[in-house]
Amino acid sequence: MSEESTTDAANTTPPAAANTTAETVIFGADWCGDCRRAKLIFDRSDAPYRYVDLVQDPAAADVARDISGRTNIPVILYPDASHQVEPSNADMLRKIAELGLGRA
């Protein structure tokens, strides 16, 4: 989990099982600084999300990898079926605003 941010520019559609949610899901781990930062951005923006801790639910790591095609975290799955991997603060705020999820 580097300081460098990367976003899946194609915003590919995730597998059908992961695409059935109308909520934002953040896949991460508490030891991951980028994951803590993502949760903070969502909390400060009053944007609701469900956090999936990959330490407590190791099987969810396969779901996150299926969504992103990568093992990097956090993986953020949005209600519009797009996703971001290790996004910058600006990328998250832009997506929160685009989807009207909070006060970005």
Protein backbone atom coordinates (compact mmCIF):
# COMPACT_ATOMS: atom_id res chain seq x y z
CA MET A 1 0.00 0.00 0.00
CA SER A 2 2.19 2.74 -1.31
CA GLU A 3 1.71 6.45 -1.12
CA GLU A 4 1.27 6.43 -4.89
CA SER A 5 -2.38 6.39 -5.90
CA THR A 6 -3.78 4.40 -8.72
CA THR A 7 -7.31 4.34 -10.01
CA ASP A 8 -8.82 1.82 -12.34
CA ALA A 9 -9.44 4.18 -15.22
CA ALA A 10 -11.65 1.72 -17.06
CA ASN A 11 -13.96 1.35 -14.06
CA THR A 12 -14.76 -2.14 -15.23
CA THR A 13 -17.87 -3.86 -14.00
CA PRO A 14 -17.16 -6.27 -11.14
CA PRO A 15 -18.48 -9.82 -10.98
CA ALA A 16 -22.25 -10.11 -10.70
CA ALA A 17 -22.17 -11.24 -7.07
CA ALA A 18 -20.31 -8.10 -6.01
CA ASN A 19 -22.46 -5.90 -8.24
CA THR A 20 -25.70 -6.49 -6.34
CA THR A 21 -25.16 -3.80 -3.74
CA ALA A 22 -26.57 -0.30 -3.71
CA GLU A 23 -23.97 0.80 -1.19
CA THR A 24 -20.34 1.76 -1.20
CA VAL A 25 -18.08 -1.00 0.09
CA ILE A 26 -14.51 -0.40 1.22
CA PHE A 27 -12.35 -3.53 1.33
CA GLY A 28 -9.32 -2.97 3.53
CA ALA A 29 -7.35 -3.77 6.66
CA ASP A 30 -6.74 -1.70 9.76
CA TRP A 31 -2.96 -2.09 9.38
CA CYS A 32 -3.18 -0.36 5.98
CA GLY A 33 -2.61 3.41 6.10
CA ASP A 34 -4.36 3.97 2.75
CA CYS A 35 -7.39 2.06 4.06
CA ARG A 36 -7.56 4.19 7.21
CA ARG A 37 -7.23 7.29 5.01
CA ALA A 38 -10.09 6.15 2.76
CA LYS A 39 -12.37 5.59 5.75
CA LEU A 40 -11.45 9.05 7.06
CA ILE A 41 -12.31 10.70 3.72
CA PHE A 42 -15.71 8.97 3.67
CA ASP A 43 -16.36 9.79 7.34
CA ARG A 44 -15.46 13.46 6.90
CA SER A 45 -17.66 13.64 3.79
CA ASP A 46 -20.61 12.05 5.61
CA ALA A 47 -20.66 9.46 2.83
CA PRO A 48 -22.06 6.12 4.00
CA TYR A 49 -20.10 2.94 3.37
CA ARG A 50 -19.75 -0.62 4.56
CA TYR A 51 -16.24 -1.56 5.63
CA VAL A 52 -15.05 -5.11 4.99
CA ASP A 53 -12.01 -5.93 7.13
CA LEU A 54 -9.93 -8.41 5.18
CA VAL A 55 -8.16 -9.57 8.34
CA GLN A 56 -11.44 -10.57 9.98
CA ASP A 57 -12.89 -11.89 6.70
CA PRO A 58 -9.98 -13.32 4.66
CA ALA A 59 -12.33 -14.81 2.05
CA ALA A 60 -13.39 -11.26 1.15
CA ALA A 61 -9.88 -10.70 -0.21
CA ASP A 62 -10.85 -12.92 -3.14
CA VAL A 63 -13.91 -10.73 -3.75
CA ALA A 64 -11.76 -7.57 -3.68
CA ARG A 65 -9.25 -9.15 -6.07
CA ASP A 66 -12.08 -10.24 -8.40
CA ILE A 67 -13.37 -6.66 -8.47
CA SER A 68 -10.03 -4.96 -9.06
CA GLY A 69 -7.89 -7.62 -10.68
CA ARG A 70 -5.18 -6.69 -8.16
CA THR A 71 -4.14 -7.46 -4.61
CA ASN A 72 -3.69 -3.80 -3.59
CA ILE A 73 -6.00 -2.28 -0.99
CA PRO A 74 -8.15 -0.42 -0.35
CA VAL A 75 -10.59 -1.46 -3.05
CA ILE A 76 -13.63 0.79 -3.05
CA LEU A 77 -16.72 -0.51 -4.82
CA TYR A 78 -19.29 2.20 -5.55
CA PRO A 79 -23.07 1.87 -6.03
CA ASP A 80 -22.67 2.53 -9.77
CA ALA A 81 -20.49 -0.65 -9.99
CA SER A 82 -17.30 1.36 -10.60
CA HIS A 83 -14.33 0.89 -8.33
CA GLN A 84 -11.09 2.50 -7.24
CA VAL A 85 -7.87 0.92 -6.00
CA GLU A 86 -5.62 2.94 -3.69
CA PRO A 87 -7.28 6.19 -4.82
CA SER A 88 -6.02 9.63 -3.91
CA ASN A 89 -8.09 11.84 -1.64
CA ALA A 90 -9.08 13.93 -4.65
CA ASP A 91 -10.23 10.85 -6.58
CA MET A 92 -12.42 9.69 -3.70
CA LEU A 93 -13.88 13.16 -3.13
CA ARG A 94 -14.61 13.51 -6.85
CA LYS A 95 -16.44 10.16 -6.92
CA ILE A 96 -18.37 10.94 -3.71
CA ALA A 97 -19.52 14.22 -5.28
CA GLU A 98 -20.29 12.61 -8.65
CA LEU A 99 -22.57 10.04 -7.03
CA GLY A 100 -24.03 12.47 -4.48
CA LEU A 101 -22.97 10.23 -1.61
CA GLY A 102 -22.09 12.91 0.90
CA ARG A 103 -20.85 16.44 1.16
CA ALA A 104 -17.59 16.23 -0.82
